Amino acid sequence: MLRSRIAPCLLMERGDLINTRKFQPWKYVGDPVNAVKIFNEKQVDELILLDVEASISGRSPDFDLLAEISAESRMPLCYGGGIKDVATAARLTSMGFEKISLSSAALERPALVREVAQEIGRQSVCVTLDVNKDLFGGYRLYTHRGKKAHKMSLKDALTAFGEVAGEIVINAIHRDGTMEGYDLDLAAQVRKATGGPLTFVGGAGSVDHFAALIDQVGTCGAAAGTFFVFNGKYHAVLLSYCRPEAAA
C-alpha cells in the first residue's frame, strides 16, 4: 500500500507568500523561491502552491515566477490559481508542475476539468473545493477566498468531479489556520461520497492530526499551511516539515 503524502500548502499573493486564518489575510511569510529551497532540503512529499488572488483579479498565473520555482524545485509541485483554460494548464505541466489545481474555474464551467484531463492526463488534475460550515451544521462551497457561496452542492461537486479529476482537495475554510485539527466529520462525509483520491487541508496543528485523518478516513494526502510555516506562540516564521511517523 502506498504511503499517504504529507504536503505543505503555501498561499501566494502578488508574488509573496502569505498565511491566512479562516481565509482572512493574517501574516506575510516570505519569498516562494526561498521556501522551495528550504523544502527541497527537507525532502517533502509534495509542495502545493495556490495563488489566492489570481482568479479574483482575473489575471493569469505569474509564469516568470513559476518558472523560477519549477527550476529550483527537487520535489513534486502542484499549482493552482488563474488557470481558466486548457492551454494554461498544459503550459504549466510543460514547465515541470506535476499537477495543476482547478477551483473557481471548475465550478463556473465543470466541463473544463474533463477538457484539461484529456490534454494533460487525469492524474495531473486536481479540483480544489473550498468548504465552509453553515449555521445549521451543513457544508457549502465557496469561491473568491470564501466570500461567494456557490449554488452547486458539495455532494454534486464530488459526484461531478470525482469521475474526471485525478484528485479532490477539500480546503476547510472554518478550520483554516486554527491548528485545531481537521474536520473529521466533513472528511468522513466526503469519503463516503467519493471513492477517488482525496487530500484535505485546513486545521492541522500536530503530527497526530495528520495521522488521525489518514488512519480514520483513508486519504491519499494531508496538507497544511500554518503548521509548516510558524513556530511558537508568537508565530515566528520557521519553515519545517515532519511526517506522522515522526511522532512514534
C-alpha atoms as a PDB file:
ATOM      1  CA  MET A   1       0.000   0.000   0.000  1.00  0.00           C
ATOM      2  CA  LEU A   2       1.298   3.457  -0.907  1.00  0.00           C
ATOM      3  CA  ARG A   3       2.083   5.817   1.959  1.00  0.00           C
ATOM      4  CA  SER A   4      -0.141   8.882   2.113  1.00  0.00           C
ATOM      5  CA  ARG A   5       1.508  12.170   1.136  1.00  0.00           C
ATOM      6  CA  ILE A   6       2.107  14.971   3.646  1.00  0.00           C
ATOM      7  CA  ALA A   7       2.217  18.275   1.786  1.00  0.00           C
ATOM      8  CA  PRO A   8       2.921  21.868   2.795  1.00  0.00           C
ATOM      9  CA  CYS A   9       0.297  24.120   1.186  1.00  0.00           C
ATOM     10  CA  LEU A  10       1.611  27.644   0.615  1.00  0.00           C
ATOM     11  CA  LEU A  11      -0.516  30.617  -0.389  1.00  0.00           C
ATOM     12  CA  MET A  12       0.753  33.260  -2.784  1.00  0.00           C
ATOM     13  CA  GLU A  13      -0.497  36.782  -3.343  1.00  0.00           C
ATOM     14  CA  ARG A  14       1.209  39.008  -5.936  1.00  0.00           C
ATOM     15  CA  GLY A  15       4.466  37.095  -5.639  1.00  0.00           C
ATOM     16  CA  ASP A  16       4.588  36.916  -1.835  1.00  0.00           C
ATOM     17  CA  LEU A  17       3.821  34.011   0.454  1.00  0.00           C
ATOM     18  CA  ILE A  18       1.068  34.766   2.959  1.00  0.00           C
ATOM     19  CA  ASN A  19      -0.756  32.864   5.657  1.00  0.00           C
ATOM     20  CA  THR A  20      -4.464  33.113   6.440  1.00  0.00           C
ATOM     21  CA  ARG A  21      -6.863  32.280   9.237  1.00  0.00           C
ATOM     22  CA  LYS A  22     -10.332  31.257   8.087  1.00  0.00           C
ATOM     23  CA  PHE A  23      -9.343  32.693   4.703  1.00  0.00           C
ATOM     24  CA  GLN A  24      -8.676  36.153   6.127  1.00  0.00           C
ATOM     25  CA  PRO A  25      -5.165  37.544   5.447  1.00  0.00           C
ATOM     26  CA  TRP A  26      -3.077  37.184   8.557  1.00  0.00           C
ATOM     27  CA  LYS A  27       0.665  37.314   8.087  1.00  0.00           C
ATOM     28  CA  TYR A  28       3.397  37.731   5.475  1.00  0.00           C
ATOM     29  CA  VAL A  29       5.515  34.577   5.285  1.00  0.00           C
ATOM     30  CA  GLY A  30       8.267  35.281   2.776  1.00  0.00           C
ATOM     31  CA  ASP A  31       9.531  34.606  -0.717  1.00  0.00           C
ATOM     32  CA  PRO A  32       8.256  31.487  -2.527  1.00  0.00           C
ATOM     33  CA  VAL A  33      11.584  30.669  -4.176  1.00  0.00           C
ATOM     34  CA  ASN A  34      13.379  30.688  -0.829  1.00  0.00           C
ATOM     35  CA  ALA A  35      10.631  28.499   0.600  1.00  0.00           C
ATOM     36  CA  VAL A  36      11.150  25.996  -2.211  1.00  0.00           C
ATOM     37  CA  LYS A  37      14.874  25.872  -1.430  1.00  0.00           C
ATOM     38  CA  ILE A  38      14.148  25.111   2.222  1.00  0.00           C
ATOM     39  CA  PHE A  39      11.554  22.443   1.487  1.00  0.00           C
ATOM     40  CA  ASN A  40      13.937  20.844  -1.020  1.00  0.00           C
ATOM     41  CA  GLU A  41      16.340  20.160   1.825  1.00  0.00           C
ATOM     42  CA  LYS A  42      13.562  18.754   3.978  1.00  0.00           C
ATOM     43  CA  GLN A  43      12.571  16.283   1.240  1.00  0.00           C
ATOM     44  CA  VAL A  44       8.849  16.949   1.395  1.00  0.00           C
ATOM     45  CA  ASP A  45       6.463  14.576  -0.378  1.00  0.00           C
ATOM     46  CA  GLU A  46       4.840  17.344  -2.426  1.00  0.00           C
ATOM     47  CA  LEU A  47       4.526  21.124  -2.342  1.00  0.00           C
ATOM     48  CA  ILE A  48       1.181  22.780  -3.116  1.00  0.00           C
ATOM     49  CA  LEU A  49       1.253  26.420  -4.240  1.00  0.00           C
ATOM     50  CA  LEU A  50      -2.021  28.330  -4.535  1.00  0.00           C
ATOM     51  CA  ASP A  51      -2.199  31.874  -5.866  1.00  0.00           C
ATOM     52  CA  VAL A  52      -5.270  33.057  -3.956  1.00  0.00           C
ATOM     53  CA  GLU A  53      -5.519  36.391  -5.740  1.00  0.00           C
ATOM     54  CA  ALA A  54      -5.073  35.480  -9.421  1.00  0.00           C
ATOM     55  CA  SER A  55      -8.601  34.310 -10.199  1.00  0.00           C
ATOM     56  CA  ILE A  56     -10.246  37.113  -8.227  1.00  0.00           C
ATOM     57  CA  SER A  57      -8.315  39.770 -10.139  1.00  0.00           C
ATOM     58  CA  GLY A  58      -8.817  37.966 -13.438  1.00  0.00           C
ATOM     59  CA  ARG A  59      -5.133  37.601 -14.218  1.00  0.00           C
ATOM     60  CA  SER A  60      -3.141  34.654 -15.499  1.00  0.00           C
ATOM     61  CA  PRO A  61      -0.531  32.810 -13.415  1.00  0.00           C
ATOM     62  CA  ASP A  62       2.800  34.571 -12.922  1.00  0.00           C
ATOM     63  CA  PHE A  63       4.708  32.361 -15.365  1.00  0.00           C
ATOM     64  CA  ASP A  64       8.066  34.044 -14.744  1.00  0.00           C
ATOM     65  CA  LEU A  65       7.871  33.355 -11.012  1.00  0.00           C
ATOM     66  CA  LEU A  66       6.554  29.840 -11.564  1.00  0.00           C
ATOM     67  CA  ALA A  67       9.373  29.061 -13.999  1.00  0.00           C
ATOM     68  CA  GLU A  68      11.864  30.114 -11.326  1.00  0.00           C
ATOM     69  CA  ILE A  69      10.093  27.953  -8.747  1.00  0.00           C
ATOM     70  CA  SER A  70       9.999  24.942 -11.041  1.00  0.00           C
ATOM     71  CA  ALA A  71      13.678  25.286 -11.956  1.00  0.00           C
ATOM     72  CA  GLU A  72      14.619  25.410  -8.270  1.00  0.00           C
ATOM     73  CA  SER A  73      12.368  22.576  -7.075  1.00  0.00           C
ATOM     74  CA  ARG A  74      13.511  18.999  -6.496  1.00  0.00           C
ATOM     75  CA  MET A  75      10.082  17.806  -5.319  1.00  0.00           C
ATOM     76  CA  PRO A  76       6.677  17.269  -6.941  1.00  0.00           C
ATOM     77  CA  LEU A  77       4.778  20.532  -7.381  1.00  0.00           C
ATOM     78  CA  CYS A  78       1.071  21.293  -7.603  1.00  0.00           C
ATOM     79  CA  TYR A  79      -0.047  24.781  -8.615  1.00  0.00           C
ATOM     80  CA  GLY A  80      -3.449  26.462  -8.639  1.00  0.00           C
ATOM     81  CA  GLY A  81      -4.653  29.980  -9.377  1.00  0.00           C
ATOM     82  CA  GLY A  82      -5.689  31.774 -12.556  1.00  0.00           C
ATOM     83  CA  ILE A  83      -5.998  28.597 -14.647  1.00  0.00           C
ATOM     84  CA  LYS A  84      -9.006  29.133 -16.891  1.00  0.00           C
ATOM     85  CA  ASP A  85      -8.255  27.082 -19.993  1.00  0.00           C
ATOM     86  CA  VAL A  86      -6.516  24.007 -21.345  1.00  0.00           C
ATOM     87  CA  ALA A  87      -3.597  25.958 -22.808  1.00  0.00           C
ATOM     88  CA  THR A  88      -2.643  27.431 -19.424  1.00  0.00           C
ATOM     89  CA  ALA A  89      -2.780  24.021 -17.745  1.00  0.00           C
ATOM     90  CA  ALA A  90      -0.658  22.470 -20.491  1.00  0.00           C
ATOM     91  CA  ARG A  91       1.900  25.274 -20.241  1.00  0.00           C
ATOM     92  CA  LEU A  92       2.272  24.715 -16.507  1.00  0.00           C
ATOM     93  CA  THR A  93       2.826  20.974 -16.842  1.00  0.00           C
ATOM     94  CA  SER A  94       5.353  21.586 -19.619  1.00  0.00           C
ATOM     95  CA  MET A  95       7.214  23.836 -17.164  1.00  0.00           C
ATOM     96  CA  GLY A  96       7.560  20.967 -14.710  1.00  0.00           C
ATOM     97  CA  PHE A  97       4.490  21.144 -12.485  1.00  0.00           C
ATOM     98  CA  GLU A  98       3.304  17.588 -11.916  1.00  0.00           C
ATOM     99  CA  LYS A  99      -0.235  18.667 -11.039  1.00  0.00           C
ATOM    100  CA  ILE A 100      -2.465  21.659 -11.549  1.00  0.00           C
ATOM    101  CA  SER A 101      -5.397  22.636  -9.351  1.00  0.00           C
ATOM    102  CA  LEU A 102      -8.687  23.975 -10.662  1.00  0.00           C
ATOM    103  CA  SER A 103     -11.097  25.660  -8.264  1.00  0.00           C
ATOM    104  CA  SER A 104     -13.436  28.525  -9.130  1.00  0.00           C
ATOM    105  CA  ALA A 105     -12.970  27.909 -12.875  1.00  0.00           C
ATOM    106  CA  ALA A 106     -14.099  24.307 -12.405  1.00  0.00           C
ATOM    107  CA  LEU A 107     -17.247  25.375 -10.562  1.00  0.00           C
ATOM    108  CA  GLU A 108     -18.038  28.029 -13.149  1.00  0.00           C
ATOM    109  CA  ARG A 109     -17.590  25.586 -16.032  1.00  0.00           C
ATOM    110  CA  PRO A 110     -17.345  21.947 -14.907  1.00  0.00           C
ATOM    111  CA  ALA A 111     -16.588  20.738 -18.446  1.00  0.00           C
ATOM    112  CA  LEU A 112     -13.173  22.403 -18.120  1.00  0.00           C
ATOM    113  CA  VAL A 113     -11.996  19.638 -15.796  1.00  0.00           C
ATOM    114  CA  ARG A 114     -12.606  16.932 -18.383  1.00  0.00           C
ATOM    115  CA  GLU A 115     -11.024  19.038 -21.133  1.00  0.00           C
ATOM    116  CA  VAL A 116      -7.872  19.617 -19.098  1.00  0.00           C
ATOM    117  CA  ALA A 117      -7.697  15.961 -18.076  1.00  0.00           C
ATOM    118  CA  GLN A 118      -7.877  14.891 -21.709  1.00  0.00           C
ATOM    119  CA  GLU A 119      -4.992  17.217 -22.555  1.00  0.00           C
ATOM    120  CA  ILE A 120      -2.540  16.628 -19.700  1.00  0.00           C
ATOM    121  CA  GLY A 121      -3.798  13.374 -18.166  1.00  0.00           C
ATOM    122  CA  ARG A 122      -6.295  12.799 -15.409  1.00  0.00           C
ATOM    123  CA  GLN A 123      -3.563  12.038 -12.874  1.00  0.00           C
ATOM    124  CA  SER A 124      -2.299  15.617 -13.241  1.00  0.00           C
ATOM    125  CA  VAL A 125      -5.623  17.325 -12.483  1.00  0.00           C
ATOM    126  CA  CYS A 126      -6.844  18.286  -9.002  1.00  0.00           C
ATOM    127  CA  VAL A 127     -10.089  20.033  -8.184  1.00  0.00           C
ATOM    128  CA  THR A 128      -9.839  22.095  -5.007  1.00  0.00           C
ATOM    129  CA  LEU A 129     -13.138  22.751  -3.250  1.00  0.00           C
ATOM    130  CA  ASP A 130     -13.307  25.460  -0.579  1.00  0.00           C
ATOM    131  CA  VAL A 131     -15.869  24.350   2.003  1.00  0.00           C
ATOM    132  CA  ASN A 132     -17.338  26.192   4.969  1.00  0.00           C
ATOM    133  CA  LYS A 133     -19.701  25.104   7.704  1.00  0.00           C
ATOM    134  CA  ASP A 134     -23.055  26.852   7.757  1.00  0.00           C
ATOM    135  CA  LEU A 135     -25.205  27.856  10.731  1.00  0.00           C
ATOM    136  CA  PHE A 136     -27.168  24.605  10.551  1.00  0.00           C
ATOM    137  CA  GLY A 137     -24.128  22.325  10.636  1.00  0.00           C
ATOM    138  CA  GLY A 138     -24.115  21.625   6.916  1.00  0.00           C
ATOM    139  CA  TYR A 139     -21.412  22.422   4.408  1.00  0.00           C
ATOM    140  CA  ARG A 140     -21.392  24.804   1.446  1.00  0.00           C
ATOM    141  CA  LEU A 141     -18.990  25.508  -1.374  1.00  0.00           C
ATOM    142  CA  TYR A 142     -17.427  28.947  -1.680  1.00  0.00           C
ATOM    143  CA  THR A 143     -15.234  30.789  -4.160  1.00  0.00           C
ATOM    144  CA  HIS A 144     -13.390  34.136  -4.177  1.00  0.00           C
ATOM    145  CA  ARG A 145     -11.484  33.453  -0.962  1.00  0.00           C
ATOM    146  CA  GLY A 146     -14.569  32.289   0.862  1.00  0.00           C
ATOM    147  CA  LYS A 147     -16.663  35.364   0.142  1.00  0.00           C
ATOM    148  CA  LYS A 148     -19.005  33.975  -2.510  1.00  0.00           C
ATOM    149  CA  ALA A 149     -21.279  30.999  -1.866  1.00  0.00           C
ATOM    150  CA  HIS A 150     -21.721  28.708  -4.853  1.00  0.00           C
ATOM    151  CA  LYS A 151     -25.025  27.218  -5.932  1.00  0.00           C
ATOM    152  CA  MET A 152     -23.571  23.744  -6.565  1.00  0.00           C
ATOM    153  CA  SER A 153     -23.829  21.457  -3.551  1.00  0.00           C
ATOM    154  CA  LEU A 154     -20.783  19.705  -2.139  1.00  0.00           C
ATOM    155  CA  LYS A 155     -22.324  16.319  -2.930  1.00  0.00           C
ATOM    156  CA  ASP A 156     -22.990  17.260  -6.548  1.00  0.00           C
ATOM    157  CA  ALA A 157     -19.471  18.620  -6.930  1.00  0.00           C
ATOM    158  CA  LEU A 158     -17.942  15.438  -5.578  1.00  0.00           C
ATOM    159  CA  THR A 159     -20.032  13.365  -7.966  1.00  0.00           C
ATOM    160  CA  ALA A 160     -19.204  15.535 -10.970  1.00  0.00           C
ATOM    161  CA  PHE A 161     -15.504  15.989 -10.400  1.00  0.00           C
ATOM    162  CA  GLY A 162     -14.744  12.646  -8.805  1.00  0.00           C
ATOM    163  CA  GLU A 163     -15.385  10.983 -12.143  1.00  0.00           C
ATOM    164  CA  VAL A 164     -12.990  13.128 -14.191  1.00  0.00           C
ATOM    165  CA  ALA A 165     -10.321  14.599 -11.882  1.00  0.00           C
ATOM    166  CA  GLY A 166      -7.342  12.664 -10.613  1.00  0.00           C
ATOM    167  CA  GLU A 167      -7.752  14.049  -7.111  1.00  0.00           C
ATOM    168  CA  ILE A 168     -10.140  16.119  -4.998  1.00  0.00           C
ATOM    169  CA  VAL A 169      -8.680  18.561  -2.482  1.00  0.00           C
ATOM    170  CA  ILE A 170     -11.006  19.774   0.277  1.00  0.00           C
ATOM    171  CA  ASN A 171      -9.999  23.079   1.862  1.00  0.00           C
ATOM    172  CA  ALA A 172     -11.947  23.623   5.090  1.00  0.00           C
ATOM    173  CA  ILE A 173     -12.410  27.374   5.497  1.00  0.00           C
ATOM    174  CA  HIS A 174     -13.680  27.108   9.078  1.00  0.00           C
ATOM    175  CA  ARG A 175     -10.517  25.252  10.152  1.00  0.00           C
ATOM    176  CA  ASP A 176      -8.018  27.250   8.087  1.00  0.00           C
ATOM    177  CA  GLY A 177      -5.126  28.463  10.240  1.00  0.00           C
ATOM    178  CA  THR A 178      -6.721  27.362  13.516  1.00  0.00           C
ATOM    179  CA  MET A 179      -4.417  24.358  14.110  1.00  0.00           C
ATOM    180  CA  GLU A 180      -7.335  22.687  15.937  1.00  0.00           C
ATOM    181  CA  GLY A 181      -7.309  19.551  13.799  1.00  0.00           C
ATOM    182  CA  TYR A 182      -9.028  18.518  10.591  1.00  0.00           C
ATOM    183  CA  ASP A 183     -12.816  18.441  10.421  1.00  0.00           C
ATOM    184  CA  LEU A 184     -13.087  14.656  10.523  1.00  0.00           C
ATOM    185  CA  ASP A 185     -16.890  14.752  10.213  1.00  0.00           C
ATOM    186  CA  LEU A 186     -16.544  16.602   6.920  1.00  0.00           C
ATOM    187  CA  ALA A 187     -13.786  14.249   5.843  1.00  0.00           C
ATOM    188  CA  ALA A 188     -15.944  11.207   6.588  1.00  0.00           C
ATOM    189  CA  GLN A 189     -18.859  12.652   4.589  1.00  0.00           C
ATOM    190  CA  VAL A 190     -16.613  13.360   1.629  1.00  0.00           C
ATOM    191  CA  ARG A 191     -15.006   9.935   1.815  1.00  0.00           C
ATOM    192  CA  LYS A 192     -18.450   8.327   1.788  1.00  0.00           C
ATOM    193  CA  ALA A 193     -19.500  10.361  -1.261  1.00  0.00           C
ATOM    194  CA  THR A 194     -16.490   9.527  -3.420  1.00  0.00           C
ATOM    195  CA  GLY A 195     -14.050   6.680  -3.648  1.00  0.00           C
ATOM    196  CA  GLY A 196     -11.365   8.598  -5.514  1.00  0.00           C
ATOM    197  CA  PRO A 197      -8.104  10.097  -4.223  1.00  0.00           C
ATOM    198  CA  LEU A 198      -8.653  12.774  -1.566  1.00  0.00           C
ATOM    199  CA  THR A 199      -6.467  15.346   0.134  1.00  0.00           C
ATOM    200  CA  PHE A 200      -7.589  17.618   2.975  1.00  0.00           C
ATOM    201  CA  VAL A 201      -6.182  20.945   4.098  1.00  0.00           C
ATOM    202  CA  GLY A 202      -7.254  23.198   6.955  1.00  0.00           C
ATOM    203  CA  GLY A 203      -6.710  22.727  10.682  1.00  0.00           C
ATOM    204  CA  ALA A 204      -3.602  20.595  11.112  1.00  0.00           C
ATOM    205  CA  GLY A 205      -1.688  21.564  14.240  1.00  0.00           C
ATOM    206  CA  SER A 206       0.241  18.417  15.110  1.00  0.00           C
ATOM    207  CA  VAL A 207       1.507  15.196  13.566  1.00  0.00           C
ATOM    208  CA  ASP A 208      -1.321  13.428  15.402  1.00  0.00           C
ATOM    209  CA  HIS A 209      -3.822  15.389  13.317  1.00  0.00           C
ATOM    210  CA  PHE A 210      -2.227  14.053  10.130  1.00  0.00           C
ATOM    211  CA  ALA A 211      -2.322  10.523  11.499  1.00  0.00           C
ATOM    212  CA  ALA A 212      -5.982  10.809  12.559  1.00  0.00           C
ATOM    213  CA  LEU A 213      -7.059  11.983   9.121  1.00  0.00           C
ATOM    214  CA  ILE A 214      -5.128   9.304   7.258  1.00  0.00           C
ATOM    215  CA  ASP A 215      -5.966   6.432   9.618  1.00  0.00           C
ATOM    216  CA  GLN A 216      -9.646   7.243  10.171  1.00  0.00           C
ATOM    217  CA  VAL A 217     -10.614   8.491   6.725  1.00  0.00           C
ATOM    218  CA  GLY A 218      -8.109   6.879   4.409  1.00  0.00           C
ATOM    219  CA  THR A 219      -6.982   9.901   2.406  1.00  0.00           C
ATOM    220  CA  CYS A 220      -4.118   9.812  -0.067  1.00  0.00           C
ATOM    221  CA  GLY A 221      -2.891  13.161   1.201  1.00  0.00           C
ATOM    222  CA  ALA A 222      -2.914  15.542   4.152  1.00  0.00           C
ATOM    223  CA  ALA A 223      -1.858  19.151   3.653  1.00  0.00           C
ATOM    224  CA  ALA A 224      -1.228  22.094   5.954  1.00  0.00           C
ATOM    225  CA  GLY A 225      -0.020  25.663   5.847  1.00  0.00           C
ATOM    226  CA  THR A 226       0.274  27.241   9.292  1.00  0.00           C
ATOM    227  CA  PHE A 227       1.735  24.086  10.865  1.00  0.00           C
ATOM    228  CA  PHE A 228       4.665  24.119   8.445  1.00  0.00           C
ATOM    229  CA  VAL A 229       5.460  27.838   8.422  1.00  0.00           C
ATOM    230  CA  PHE A 230       5.160  29.087  12.010  1.00  0.00           C
ATOM    231  CA  ASN A 231       6.843  28.213  15.279  1.00  0.00           C
ATOM    232  CA  GLY A 232       5.982  29.011  18.895  1.00  0.00           C
ATOM    233  CA  LYS A 233       3.194  31.007  20.492  1.00  0.00           C
ATOM    234  CA  TYR A 234       4.273  34.212  18.753  1.00  0.00           C
ATOM    235  CA  HIS A 235       4.152  32.508  15.356  1.00  0.00           C
ATOM    236  CA  ALA A 236       7.651  33.315  14.213  1.00  0.00           C
ATOM    237  CA  VAL A 237       8.182  32.252  10.605  1.00  0.00           C
ATOM    238  CA  LEU A 238      10.104  28.977  10.561  1.00  0.00           C
ATOM    239  CA  LEU A 239       9.588  26.539   7.702  1.00  0.00           C
ATOM    240  CA  SER A 240       9.553  22.967   8.973  1.00  0.00           C
ATOM    241  CA  TYR A 241       8.419  19.518   7.921  1.00  0.00           C
ATOM    242  CA  CYS A 242       7.627  16.201   9.540  1.00  0.00           C
ATOM    243  CA  ARG A 243       5.518  13.128   8.894  1.00  0.00           C
ATOM    244  CA  PRO A 244       3.122  11.278  11.246  1.00  0.00           C
ATOM    245  CA  GLU A 245       5.643   8.501  11.895  1.00  0.00           C
ATOM    246  CA  ALA A 246       7.913  11.134  13.444  1.00  0.00           C
ATOM    247  CA  ALA A 247       5.584  11.165  16.459  1.00  0.00           C
ATOM    248  CA  ALA A 248       6.129   7.493  17.193  1.00  0.00           C
END
